[in-house]
Amino acid sequence: MPKYLDELDAVLRALADPTRRAVVERLAKSPAIVSDLAAPFSMALPSLMQHLSILENAGVITSEKHGRVRTVSLRPGALDVLHLWLGEQRTPAEHRADRLGIHLAHTTPKDT
């Protein structure tokens, strides 16, 4: 069993919510201050802060506070665990599809 499964589970749980996915999509463009992140959502600031806390605990984002301004950034490499896991899943599925294609090519009657 791969050693990164706990990290994968945390990232998947964090990204399961559409608000958190939207925050990650926004942060993929550039870091942002919390008030800018909150602007497109119709929720109270404490609610958004809970979403940010979940993303930060999962290791997806980082935040820094300078005075009264909190800046949030996407953590470099935070989503690499998803790419790794998806790559591992893709390969067996592709092999099965290849074998099915070969089987169908050999068993399908050809028009004469």
PDB file of N, CA and C in Angstrom:
ATOM      1  N   MET A   1       0.848  -1.174   0.000  1.00  0.00           N
ATOM      2  CA  MET A   1       0.000   0.000   0.000  1.00  0.00           C
ATOM      3  C   MET A   1       0.896   1.240   0.000  1.00  0.00           C
ATOM      4  N   PRO A   2       0.655   2.176  -0.937  1.00  0.00           N
ATOM      5  CA  PRO A   2       1.507   3.368  -1.011  1.00  0.00           C
ATOM      6  C   PRO A   2       1.485   4.175   0.283  1.00  0.00           C
ATOM      7  N   LYS A   3       2.624   4.807   0.572  1.00  0.00           N
ATOM      8  CA  LYS A   3       2.775   5.557   1.817  1.00  0.00           C
ATOM      9  C   LYS A   3       2.074   6.907   1.788  1.00  0.00           C
ATOM     10  N   TYR A   4       1.683   7.365   0.619  1.00  0.00           N
ATOM     11  CA  TYR A   4       1.105   8.690   0.501  1.00  0.00           C
ATOM     12  C   TYR A   4      -0.423   8.702   0.628  1.00  0.00           C
ATOM     13  N   LEU A   5      -1.045   7.593   0.967  1.00  0.00           N
ATOM     14  CA  LEU A   5      -2.509   7.516   0.978  1.00  0.00           C
ATOM     15  C   LEU A   5      -3.153   8.465   1.985  1.00  0.00           C
ATOM     16  N   ASP A   6      -2.543   8.686   3.125  1.00  0.00           N
ATOM     17  CA  ASP A   6      -3.112   9.643   4.094  1.00  0.00           C
ATOM     18  C   ASP A   6      -3.138  11.052   3.506  1.00  0.00           C
ATOM     19  N   GLU A   7      -2.054  11.413   2.836  1.00  0.00           N
ATOM     20  CA  GLU A   7      -1.998  12.729   2.195  1.00  0.00           C
ATOM     21  C   GLU A   7      -3.034  12.820   1.075  1.00  0.00           C
ATOM     22  N   LEU A   8      -3.148  11.761   0.288  1.00  0.00           N
ATOM     23  CA  LEU A   8      -4.136  11.716  -0.791  1.00  0.00           C
ATOM     24  C   LEU A   8      -5.553  11.872  -0.241  1.00  0.00           C
ATOM     25  N   ASP A   9      -5.866  11.142   0.822  1.00  0.00           N
ATOM     26  CA  ASP A   9      -7.195  11.235   1.430  1.00  0.00           C
ATOM     27  C   ASP A   9      -7.498  12.654   1.894  1.00  0.00           C
ATOM     28  N   ALA A  10      -6.520  13.300   2.514  1.00  0.00           N
ATOM     29  CA  ALA A  10      -6.728  14.662   3.013  1.00  0.00           C
ATOM     30  C   ALA A  10      -6.972  15.632   1.858  1.00  0.00           C
ATOM     31  N   VAL A  11      -6.211  15.501   0.790  1.00  0.00           N
ATOM     32  CA  VAL A  11      -6.374  16.393  -0.359  1.00  0.00           C
ATOM     33  C   VAL A  11      -7.730  16.147  -1.025  1.00  0.00           C
ATOM     34  N   LEU A  12      -8.105  14.885  -1.195  1.00  0.00           N
ATOM     35  CA  LEU A  12      -9.404  14.593  -1.813  1.00  0.00           C
ATOM     36  C   LEU A  12     -10.561  15.107  -0.967  1.00  0.00           C
ATOM     37  N   ARG A  13     -10.474  14.940   0.351  1.00  0.00           N
ATOM     38  CA  ARG A  13     -11.530  15.477   1.229  1.00  0.00           C
ATOM     39  C   ARG A  13     -11.604  16.998   1.109  1.00  0.00           C
ATOM     40  N   ALA A  14     -10.453  17.642   1.078  1.00  0.00           N
ATOM     41  CA  ALA A  14     -10.426  19.103   0.987  1.00  0.00           C
ATOM     42  C   ALA A  14     -11.022  19.582  -0.336  1.00  0.00           C
ATOM     43  N   LEU A  15     -10.771  18.854  -1.403  1.00  0.00           N
ATOM     44  CA  LEU A  15     -11.251  19.277  -2.723  1.00  0.00           C
ATOM     45  C   LEU A  15     -12.660  18.786  -3.032  1.00  0.00           C
ATOM     46  N   ALA A  16     -13.268  18.068  -2.116  1.00  0.00           N
ATOM     47  CA  ALA A  16     -14.618  17.543  -2.343  1.00  0.00           C
ATOM     48  C   ALA A  16     -15.671  18.650  -2.344  1.00  0.00           C
ATOM     49  N   ASP A  17     -15.349  19.790  -1.777  1.00  0.00           N
ATOM     50  CA  ASP A  17     -16.309  20.888  -1.674  1.00  0.00           C
ATOM     51  C   ASP A  17     -16.111  21.871  -2.832  1.00  0.00           C
ATOM     52  N   PRO A  18     -17.200  22.274  -3.502  1.00  0.00           N
ATOM     53  CA  PRO A  18     -17.057  23.187  -4.644  1.00  0.00           C
ATOM     54  C   PRO A  18     -16.467  24.561  -4.276  1.00  0.00           C
ATOM     55  N   THR A  19     -16.737  25.054  -3.094  1.00  0.00           N
ATOM     56  CA  THR A  19     -16.155  26.334  -2.677  1.00  0.00           C
ATOM     57  C   THR A  19     -14.645  26.213  -2.575  1.00  0.00           C
ATOM     58  N   ARG A  20     -14.178  25.130  -1.980  1.00  0.00           N
ATOM     59  CA  ARG A  20     -12.732  24.943  -1.828  1.00  0.00           C
ATOM     60  C   ARG A  20     -12.067  24.728  -3.190  1.00  0.00           C
ATOM     61  N   ARG A  21     -12.744  24.016  -4.095  1.00  0.00           N
ATOM     62  CA  ARG A  21     -12.182  23.847  -5.439  1.00  0.00           C
ATOM     63  C   ARG A  21     -12.075  25.207  -6.138  1.00  0.00           C
ATOM     64  N   ALA A  22     -13.082  26.048  -5.972  1.00  0.00           N
ATOM     65  CA  ALA A  22     -13.047  27.384  -6.579  1.00  0.00           C
ATOM     66  C   ALA A  22     -11.903  28.217  -6.000  1.00  0.00           C
ATOM     67  N   VAL A  23     -11.665  28.097  -4.719  1.00  0.00           N
ATOM     68  CA  VAL A  23     -10.548  28.808  -4.088  1.00  0.00           C
ATOM     69  C   VAL A  23      -9.227  28.324  -4.679  1.00  0.00           C
ATOM     70  N   VAL A  24      -9.069  27.015  -4.826  1.00  0.00           N
ATOM     71  CA  VAL A  24      -7.831  26.465  -5.400  1.00  0.00           C
ATOM     72  C   VAL A  24      -7.661  26.949  -6.843  1.00  0.00           C
ATOM     73  N   GLU A  25      -8.745  26.943  -7.617  1.00  0.00           N
ATOM     74  CA  GLU A  25      -8.662  27.427  -8.998  1.00  0.00           C
ATOM     75  C   GLU A  25      -8.211  28.889  -9.032  1.00  0.00           C
ATOM     76  N   ARG A  26      -8.736  29.695  -8.127  1.00  0.00           N
ATOM     77  CA  ARG A  26      -8.343  31.103  -8.063  1.00  0.00           C
ATOM     78  C   ARG A  26      -6.882  31.244  -7.670  1.00  0.00           C
ATOM     79  N   LEU A  27      -6.449  30.470  -6.673  1.00  0.00           N
ATOM     80  CA  LEU A  27      -5.064  30.566  -6.198  1.00  0.00           C
ATOM     81  C   LEU A  27      -4.061  30.006  -7.200  1.00  0.00           C
ATOM     82  N   ALA A  28      -4.522  29.176  -8.118  1.00  0.00           N
ATOM     83  CA  ALA A  28      -3.627  28.656  -9.154  1.00  0.00           C
ATOM     84  C   ALA A  28      -3.122  29.794 -10.043  1.00  0.00           C
ATOM     85  N   LYS A  29      -3.889  30.887 -10.110  1.00  0.00           N
ATOM     86  CA  LYS A  29      -3.485  32.040 -10.919  1.00  0.00           C
ATOM     87  C   LYS A  29      -2.449  32.894 -10.200  1.00  0.00           C
ATOM     88  N   SER A  30      -2.677  33.134  -8.905  1.00  0.00           N
ATOM     89  CA  SER A  30      -1.744  33.937  -8.107  1.00  0.00           C
ATOM     90  C   SER A  30      -2.212  33.941  -6.654  1.00  0.00           C
ATOM     91  N   PRO A  31      -1.310  34.253  -5.726  1.00  0.00           N
ATOM     92  CA  PRO A  31      -1.729  34.397  -4.328  1.00  0.00           C
ATOM     93  C   PRO A  31      -2.770  35.504  -4.207  1.00  0.00           C
ATOM     94  N   ALA A  32      -3.561  35.443  -3.137  1.00  0.00           N
ATOM     95  CA  ALA A  32      -4.610  36.446  -2.943  1.00  0.00           C
ATOM     96  C   ALA A  32      -4.817  36.699  -1.457  1.00  0.00           C
ATOM     97  N   ILE A  33      -5.327  37.885  -1.159  1.00  0.00           N
ATOM     98  CA  ILE A  33      -5.689  38.164   0.224  1.00  0.00           C
ATOM     99  C   ILE A  33      -7.088  37.607   0.480  1.00  0.00           C
ATOM    100  N   VAL A  34      -7.364  37.315   1.732  1.00  0.00           N
ATOM    101  CA  VAL A  34      -8.605  36.637   2.098  1.00  0.00           C
ATOM    102  C   VAL A  34      -9.837  37.410   1.627  1.00  0.00           C
ATOM    103  N   SER A  35      -9.825  38.715   1.773  1.00  0.00           N
ATOM    104  CA  SER A  35     -11.007  39.489   1.366  1.00  0.00           C
ATOM    105  C   SER A  35     -11.266  39.361  -0.137  1.00  0.00           C
ATOM    106  N   ASP A  36     -10.212  39.270  -0.955  1.00  0.00           N
ATOM    107  CA  ASP A  36     -10.388  39.051  -2.392  1.00  0.00           C
ATOM    108  C   ASP A  36     -10.936  37.656  -2.676  1.00  0.00           C
ATOM    109  N   LEU A  37     -10.468  36.676  -1.910  1.00  0.00           N
ATOM    110  CA  LEU A  37     -10.981  35.308  -2.080  1.00  0.00           C
ATOM    111  C   LEU A  37     -12.450  35.222  -1.704  1.00  0.00           C
ATOM    112  N   ALA A  38     -12.847  35.992  -0.698  1.00  0.00           N
ATOM    113  CA  ALA A  38     -14.224  35.938  -0.206  1.00  0.00           C
ATOM    114  C   ALA A  38     -15.211  36.625  -1.144  1.00  0.00           C
ATOM    115  N   ALA A  39     -14.744  37.576  -1.930  1.00  0.00           N
ATOM    116  CA  ALA A  39     -15.626  38.416  -2.742  1.00  0.00           C
ATOM    117  C   ALA A  39     -16.633  37.638  -3.603  1.00  0.00           C
ATOM    118  N   PRO A  40     -16.233  36.583  -4.332  1.00  0.00           N
ATOM    119  CA  PRO A  40     -17.208  35.929  -5.211  1.00  0.00           C
ATOM    120  C   PRO A  40     -18.216  35.032  -4.492  1.00  0.00           C
ATOM    121  N   PHE A  41     -18.042  34.813  -3.205  1.00  0.00           N
ATOM    122  CA  PHE A  41     -18.907  33.877  -2.484  1.00  0.00           C
ATOM    123  C   PHE A  41     -19.912  34.625  -1.617  1.00  0.00           C
ATOM    124  N   SER A  42     -21.111  34.091  -1.563  1.00  0.00           N
ATOM    125  CA  SER A  42     -22.140  34.700  -0.710  1.00  0.00           C
ATOM    126  C   SER A  42     -22.142  33.988   0.636  1.00  0.00           C
ATOM    127  N   MET A  43     -21.062  34.205   1.389  1.00  0.00           N
ATOM    128  CA  MET A  43     -20.956  33.607   2.721  1.00  0.00           C
ATOM    129  C   MET A  43     -20.207  34.572   3.631  1.00  0.00           C
ATOM    130  N   ALA A  44     -20.415  34.389   4.896  1.00  0.00           N
ATOM    131  CA  ALA A  44     -19.717  35.217   5.887  1.00  0.00           C
ATOM    132  C   ALA A  44     -18.233  34.876   5.879  1.00  0.00           C
ATOM    133  N   LEU A  45     -17.407  35.852   6.207  1.00  0.00           N
ATOM    134  CA  LEU A  45     -15.964  35.659   6.239  1.00  0.00           C
ATOM    135  C   LEU A  45     -15.539  34.488   7.137  1.00  0.00           C
ATOM    136  N   PRO A  46     -16.150  34.311   8.328  1.00  0.00           N
ATOM    137  CA  PRO A  46     -15.761  33.149   9.146  1.00  0.00           C
ATOM    138  C   PRO A  46     -16.017  31.807   8.444  1.00  0.00           C
ATOM    139  N   SER A  47     -17.042  31.746   7.620  1.00  0.00           N
ATOM    140  CA  SER A  47     -17.315  30.508   6.879  1.00  0.00           C
ATOM    141  C   SER A  47     -16.217  30.241   5.858  1.00  0.00           C
ATOM    142  N   LEU A  48     -15.790  31.288   5.155  1.00  0.00           N
ATOM    143  CA  LEU A  48     -14.696  31.120   4.203  1.00  0.00           C
ATOM    144  C   LEU A  48     -13.421  30.731   4.938  1.00  0.00           C
ATOM    145  N   MET A  49     -13.199  31.309   6.101  1.00  0.00           N
ATOM    146  CA  MET A  49     -11.994  30.980   6.876  1.00  0.00           C
ATOM    147  C   MET A  49     -11.984  29.493   7.252  1.00  0.00           C
ATOM    148  N   GLN A  50     -13.147  28.918   7.512  1.00  0.00           N
ATOM    149  CA  GLN A  50     -13.215  27.482   7.795  1.00  0.00           C
ATOM    150  C   GLN A  50     -12.780  26.684   6.566  1.00  0.00           C
ATOM    151  N   HIS A  51     -13.230  27.099   5.386  1.00  0.00           N
ATOM    152  CA  HIS A  51     -12.808  26.432   4.153  1.00  0.00           C
ATOM    153  C   HIS A  51     -11.294  26.537   3.975  1.00  0.00           C
ATOM    154  N   LEU A  52     -10.753  27.729   4.222  1.00  0.00           N
ATOM    155  CA  LEU A  52      -9.308  27.912   4.087  1.00  0.00           C
ATOM    156  C   LEU A  52      -8.549  27.064   5.093  1.00  0.00           C
ATOM    157  N   SER A  53      -9.092  26.926   6.276  1.00  0.00           N
ATOM    158  CA  SER A  53      -8.453  26.098   7.300  1.00  0.00           C
ATOM    159  C   SER A  53      -8.387  24.635   6.852  1.00  0.00           C
ATOM    160  N   ILE A  54      -9.442  24.147   6.262  1.00  0.00           N
ATOM    161  CA  ILE A  54      -9.457  22.760   5.775  1.00  0.00           C
ATOM    162  C   ILE A  54      -8.415  22.578   4.680  1.00  0.00           C
ATOM    163  N   LEU A  55      -8.336  23.534   3.756  1.00  0.00           N
ATOM    164  CA  LEU A  55      -7.331  23.451   2.689  1.00  0.00           C
ATOM    165  C   LEU A  55      -5.915  23.524   3.252  1.00  0.00           C
ATOM    166  N   GLU A  56      -5.723  24.367   4.254  1.00  0.00           N
ATOM    167  CA  GLU A  56      -4.388  24.503   4.845  1.00  0.00           C
ATOM    168  C   GLU A  56      -4.010  23.247   5.630  1.00  0.00           C
ATOM    169  N   ASN A  57      -4.945  22.690   6.371  1.00  0.00           N
ATOM    170  CA  ASN A  57      -4.664  21.457   7.122  1.00  0.00           C
ATOM    171  C   ASN A  57      -4.359  20.284   6.202  1.00  0.00           C
ATOM    172  N   ALA A  58      -4.927  20.296   5.001  1.00  0.00           N
ATOM    173  CA  ALA A  58      -4.660  19.243   4.025  1.00  0.00           C
ATOM    174  C   ALA A  58      -3.348  19.478   3.278  1.00  0.00           C
ATOM    175  N   GLY A  59      -2.730  20.636   3.509  1.00  0.00           N
ATOM    176  CA  GLY A  59      -1.457  20.934   2.848  1.00  0.00           C
ATOM    177  C   GLY A  59      -1.607  21.475   1.445  1.00  0.00           C
ATOM    178  N   VAL A  60      -2.813  21.908   1.089  1.00  0.00           N
ATOM    179  CA  VAL A  60      -3.054  22.408  -0.268  1.00  0.00           C
ATOM    180  C   VAL A  60      -2.656  23.882  -0.387  1.00  0.00           C
ATOM    181  N   ILE A  61      -2.878  24.652   0.668  1.00  0.00           N
ATOM    182  CA  ILE A  61      -2.542  26.078   0.639  1.00  0.00           C
ATOM    183  C   ILE A  61      -1.678  26.437   1.836  1.00  0.00           C
ATOM    184  N   THR A  62      -1.066  27.597   1.750  1.00  0.00           N
ATOM    185  CA  THR A  62      -0.356  28.189   2.883  1.00  0.00           C
ATOM    186  C   THR A  62      -0.864  29.611   3.036  1.00  0.00           C
ATOM    187  N   SER A  63      -0.709  30.159   4.227  1.00  0.00           N
ATOM    188  CA  SER A  63      -1.117  31.547   4.433  1.00  0.00           C
ATOM    189  C   SER A  63      -0.101  32.244   5.324  1.00  0.00           C
ATOM    190  N   GLU A  64       0.009  33.539   5.105  1.00  0.00           N
ATOM    191  CA  GLU A  64       0.893  34.385   5.901  1.00  0.00           C
ATOM    192  C   GLU A  64       0.123  35.626   6.303  1.00  0.00           C
ATOM    193  N   LYS A  65       0.335  36.061   7.522  1.00  0.00           N
ATOM    194  CA  LYS A  65      -0.333  37.265   7.988  1.00  0.00           C
ATOM    195  C   LYS A  65       0.696  38.367   8.171  1.00  0.00           C
ATOM    196  N   HIS A  66       0.428  39.496   7.522  1.00  0.00           N
ATOM    197  CA  HIS A  66       1.270  40.686   7.656  1.00  0.00           C
ATOM    198  C   HIS A  66       0.365  41.797   8.155  1.00  0.00           C
ATOM    199  N   GLY A  67       0.498  42.118   9.427  1.00  0.00           N
ATOM    200  CA  GLY A  67      -0.402  43.100  10.024  1.00  0.00           C
ATOM    201  C   GLY A  67      -1.805  42.524  10.095  1.00  0.00           C
ATOM    202  N   ARG A  68      -2.746  43.197   9.464  1.00  0.00           N
ATOM    203  CA  ARG A  68      -4.131  42.731   9.475  1.00  0.00           C
ATOM    204  C   ARG A  68      -4.502  42.013   8.184  1.00  0.00           C
ATOM    205  N   VAL A  69      -3.539  41.829   7.291  1.00  0.00           N
ATOM    206  CA  VAL A  69      -3.812  41.245   5.980  1.00  0.00           C
ATOM    207  C   VAL A  69      -3.247  39.828   5.921  1.00  0.00           C
ATOM    208  N   ARG A  70      -4.113  38.876   5.594  1.00  0.00           N
ATOM    209  CA  ARG A  70      -3.690  37.490   5.426  1.00  0.00           C
ATOM    210  C   ARG A  70      -3.654  37.176   3.932  1.00  0.00           C
ATOM    211  N   THR A  71      -2.476  36.732   3.467  1.00  0.00           N
ATOM    212  CA  THR A  71      -2.289  36.355   2.073  1.00  0.00           C
ATOM    213  C   THR A  71      -2.243  34.831   1.979  1.00  0.00           C
ATOM    214  N   VAL A  72      -2.987  34.295   1.028  1.00  0.00           N
ATOM    215  CA  VAL A  72      -3.107  32.850   0.855  1.00  0.00           C
ATOM    216  C   VAL A  72      -2.489  32.469  -0.486  1.00  0.00           C
ATOM    217  N   SER A  73      -1.739  31.356  -0.496  1.00  0.00           N
ATOM    218  CA  SER A  73      -1.084  30.859  -1.709  1.00  0.00           C
ATOM    219  C   SER A  73      -1.323  29.374  -1.854  1.00  0.00           C
ATOM    220  N   LEU A  74      -1.327  28.924  -3.082  1.00  0.00           N
ATOM    221  CA  LEU A  74      -1.358  27.495  -3.355  1.00  0.00           C
ATOM    222  C   LEU A  74       0.034  26.949  -3.046  1.00  0.00           C
ATOM    223  N   ARG A  75       0.113  25.885  -2.263  1.00  0.00           N
ATOM    224  CA  ARG A  75       1.414  25.313  -1.904  1.00  0.00           C
ATOM    225  C   ARG A  75       1.994  24.608  -3.125  1.00  0.00           C
ATOM    226  N   PRO A  76       3.214  24.955  -3.521  1.00  0.00           N
ATOM    227  CA  PRO A  76       3.821  24.293  -4.687  1.00  0.00           C
ATOM    228  C   PRO A  76       3.875  22.774  -4.478  1.00  0.00           C
ATOM    229  N   GLY A  77       3.428  22.048  -5.467  1.00  0.00           N
ATOM    230  CA  GLY A  77       3.448  20.588  -5.406  1.00  0.00           C
ATOM    231  C   GLY A  77       2.325  19.981  -4.593  1.00  0.00           C
ATOM    232  N   ALA A  78       1.394  20.801  -4.135  1.00  0.00           N
ATOM    233  CA  ALA A  78       0.333  20.304  -3.259  1.00  0.00           C
ATOM    234  C   ALA A  78      -0.553  19.275  -3.933  1.00  0.00           C
ATOM    235  N   LEU A  79      -0.712  19.379  -5.224  1.00  0.00           N
ATOM    236  CA  LEU A  79      -1.612  18.472  -5.933  1.00  0.00           C
ATOM    237  C   LEU A  79      -0.865  17.340  -6.634  1.00  0.00           C
ATOM    238  N   ASP A  80       0.444  17.269  -6.422  1.00  0.00           N
ATOM    239  CA  ASP A  80       1.236  16.206  -7.046  1.00  0.00           C
ATOM    240  C   ASP A  80       0.756  14.822  -6.635  1.00  0.00           C
ATOM    241  N   VAL A  81       0.286  14.686  -5.395  1.00  0.00           N
ATOM    242  CA  VAL A  81      -0.183  13.396  -4.909  1.00  0.00           C
ATOM    243  C   VAL A  81      -1.372  12.914  -5.752  1.00  0.00           C
ATOM    244  N   LEU A  82      -2.194  13.846  -6.230  1.00  0.00           N
ATOM    245  CA  LEU A  82      -3.318  13.473  -7.101  1.00  0.00           C
ATOM    246  C   LEU A  82      -2.816  12.959  -8.445  1.00  0.00           C
ATOM    247  N   HIS A  83      -1.834  13.650  -9.003  1.00  0.00           N
ATOM    248  CA  HIS A  83      -1.270  13.212 -10.283  1.00  0.00           C
ATOM    249  C   HIS A  83      -0.652  11.824 -10.151  1.00  0.00           C
ATOM    250  N   LEU A  84       0.051  11.605  -9.072  1.00  0.00           N
ATOM    251  CA  LEU A  84       0.682  10.305  -8.845  1.00  0.00           C
ATOM    252  C   LEU A  84      -0.372   9.203  -8.769  1.00  0.00           C
ATOM    253  N   TRP A  85      -1.385   9.408  -7.956  1.00  0.00           N
ATOM    254  CA  TRP A  85      -2.424   8.390  -7.778  1.00  0.00           C
ATOM    255  C   TRP A  85      -3.190   8.160  -9.075  1.00  0.00           C
ATOM    256  N   LEU A  86      -3.573   9.233  -9.759  1.00  0.00           N
ATOM    257  CA  LEU A  86      -4.306   9.079 -11.021  1.00  0.00           C
ATOM    258  C   LEU A  86      -3.461   8.353 -12.064  1.00  0.00           C
ATOM    259  N   GLY A  87      -2.172   8.644 -12.081  1.00  0.00           N
ATOM    260  CA  GLY A  87      -1.286   7.943 -13.009  1.00  0.00           C
ATOM    261  C   GLY A  87      -1.227   6.452 -12.722  1.00  0.00           C
ATOM    262  N   GLU A  88      -1.211   6.107 -11.448  1.00  0.00           N
ATOM    263  CA  GLU A  88      -1.195   4.689 -11.083  1.00  0.00           C
ATOM    264  C   GLU A  88      -2.508   4.006 -11.461  1.00  0.00           C
ATOM    265  N   GLN A  89      -3.609   4.718 -11.419  1.00  0.00           N
ATOM    266  CA  GLN A  89      -4.898   4.134 -11.770  1.00  0.00           C
ATOM    267  C   GLN A  89      -5.065   4.047 -13.284  1.00  0.00           C
ATOM    268  N   ARG A  90      -4.529   5.010 -13.984  1.00  0.00           N
ATOM    269  CA  ARG A  90      -4.678   5.063 -15.427  1.00  0.00           C
ATOM    270  C   ARG A  90      -3.993   3.883 -16.108  1.00  0.00           C
ATOM    271  N   THR A  91      -2.817   3.532 -15.679  1.00  0.00           N
ATOM    272  CA  THR A  91      -2.051   2.496 -16.345  1.00  0.00           C
ATOM    273  C   THR A  91      -2.776   1.150 -16.366  1.00  0.00           C
ATOM    274  N   PRO A  92      -3.262   0.616 -15.235  1.00  0.00           N
ATOM    275  CA  PRO A  92      -3.985  -0.655 -15.301  1.00  0.00           C
ATOM    276  C   PRO A  92      -5.242  -0.564 -16.170  1.00  0.00           C
ATOM    277  N   ALA A  93      -5.951   0.539 -16.112  1.00  0.00           N
ATOM    278  CA  ALA A  93      -7.163   0.685 -16.913  1.00  0.00           C
ATOM    279  C   ALA A  93      -6.814   0.701 -18.402  1.00  0.00           C
ATOM    280  N   GLU A  94      -5.745   1.377 -18.748  1.00  0.00           N
ATOM    281  CA  GLU A  94      -5.330   1.416 -20.145  1.00  0.00           C
ATOM    282  C   GLU A  94      -4.911   0.035 -20.626  1.00  0.00           C
ATOM    283  N   HIS A  95      -4.216  -0.743 -19.783  1.00  0.00           N
ATOM    284  CA  HIS A  95      -3.804  -2.092 -20.171  1.00  0.00           C
ATOM    285  C   HIS A  95      -5.023  -2.975 -20.407  1.00  0.00           C
ATOM    286  N   ARG A  96      -6.030  -2.854 -19.534  1.00  0.00           N
ATOM    287  CA  ARG A  96      -7.244  -3.650 -19.724  1.00  0.00           C
ATOM    288  C   ARG A  96      -7.944  -3.264 -21.021  1.00  0.00           C
ATOM    289  N   ALA A  97      -8.000  -1.986 -21.307  1.00  0.00           N
ATOM    290  CA  ALA A  97      -8.638  -1.534 -22.547  1.00  0.00           C
ATOM    291  C   ALA A  97      -7.867  -2.036 -23.756  1.00  0.00           C
ATOM    292  N   ASP A  98      -6.538  -2.032 -23.676  1.00  0.00           N
ATOM    293  CA  ASP A  98      -5.726  -2.556 -24.773  1.00  0.00           C
ATOM    294  C   ASP A  98      -5.987  -4.038 -24.987  1.00  0.00           C
ATOM    295  N   ARG A  99      -6.046  -4.798 -23.889  1.00  0.00           N
ATOM    296  CA  ARG A  99      -6.304  -6.239 -24.006  1.00  0.00           C
ATOM    297  C   ARG A  99      -7.689  -6.497 -24.583  1.00  0.00           C
ATOM    298  N   LEU A 100      -8.668  -5.696 -24.173  1.00  0.00           N
ATOM    299  CA  LEU A 100     -10.022  -5.844 -24.715  1.00  0.00           C
ATOM    300  C   LEU A 100     -10.027  -5.555 -26.212  1.00  0.00           C
ATOM    301  N   GLY A 101      -9.331  -4.515 -26.626  1.00  0.00           N
ATOM    302  CA  GLY A 101      -9.251  -4.191 -28.048  1.00  0.00           C
ATOM    303  C   GLY A 101      -8.630  -5.309 -28.849  1.00  0.00           C
ATOM    304  N   ILE A 102      -7.582  -5.913 -28.335  1.00  0.00           N
ATOM    305  CA  ILE A 102      -6.930  -7.038 -29.021  1.00  0.00           C
ATOM    306  C   ILE A 102      -7.877  -8.223 -29.097  1.00  0.00           C
ATOM    307  N   HIS A 103      -8.539  -8.510 -27.982  1.00  0.00           N
ATOM    308  CA  HIS A 103      -9.490  -9.626 -27.945  1.00  0.00           C
ATOM    309  C   HIS A 103     -10.614  -9.413 -28.967  1.00  0.00           C
ATOM    310  N   LEU A 104     -11.178  -8.225 -28.994  1.00  0.00           N
ATOM    311  CA  LEU A 104     -12.270  -7.948 -29.932  1.00  0.00           C
ATOM    312  C   LEU A 104     -11.794  -8.011 -31.377  1.00  0.00           C
ATOM    313  N   ALA A 105     -10.586  -7.580 -31.629  1.00  0.00           N
ATOM    314  CA  ALA A 105     -10.051  -7.638 -32.991  1.00  0.00           C
ATOM    315  C   ALA A 105      -9.901  -9.070 -33.458  1.00  0.00           C
ATOM    316  N   HIS A 106      -9.570  -9.976 -32.524  1.00  0.00           N
ATOM    317  CA  HIS A 106      -9.358 -11.379 -32.910  1.00  0.00           C
ATOM    318  C   HIS A 106     -10.661 -12.172 -32.955  1.00  0.00           C
ATOM    319  N   THR A 107     -11.688 -11.740 -32.223  1.00  0.00           N
ATOM    320  CA  THR A 107     -12.908 -12.530 -32.138  1.00  0.00           C
ATOM    321  C   THR A 107     -14.048 -11.963 -32.984  1.00  0.00           C
ATOM    322  N   THR A 108     -13.931 -10.768 -33.472  1.00  0.00           N
ATOM    323  CA  THR A 108     -14.991 -10.169 -34.296  1.00  0.00           C
ATOM    324  C   THR A 108     -14.901 -10.741 -35.702  1.00  0.00           C
ATOM    325  N   PRO A 109     -16.022 -11.253 -36.206  1.00  0.00           N
ATOM    326  CA  PRO A 109     -15.997 -11.788 -37.581  1.00  0.00           C
ATOM    327  C   PRO A 109     -15.705 -10.673 -38.576  1.00  0.00           C
ATOM    328  N   LYS A 110     -14.877 -10.985 -39.508  1.00  0.00           N
ATOM    329  CA  LYS A 110     -14.493 -10.002 -40.520  1.00  0.00           C
ATOM    330  C   LYS A 110     -15.402 -10.152 -41.731  1.00  0.00           C
ATOM    331  N   ASP A 111     -15.752  -9.050 -42.356  1.00  0.00           N
ATOM    332  CA  ASP A 111     -16.569  -9.095 -43.581  1.00  0.00           C
ATOM    333  C   ASP A 111     -15.711  -9.670 -44.695  1.00  0.00           C
ATOM    334  N   THR A 112     -16.267 -10.582 -45.434  1.00  0.00           N
ATOM    335  CA  THR A 112     -15.512 -11.182 -46.544  1.00  0.00           C
ATOM    336  C   THR A 112     -16.054 -10.771 -47.876  1.00  0.00           C
TER     337      THR A 112
END
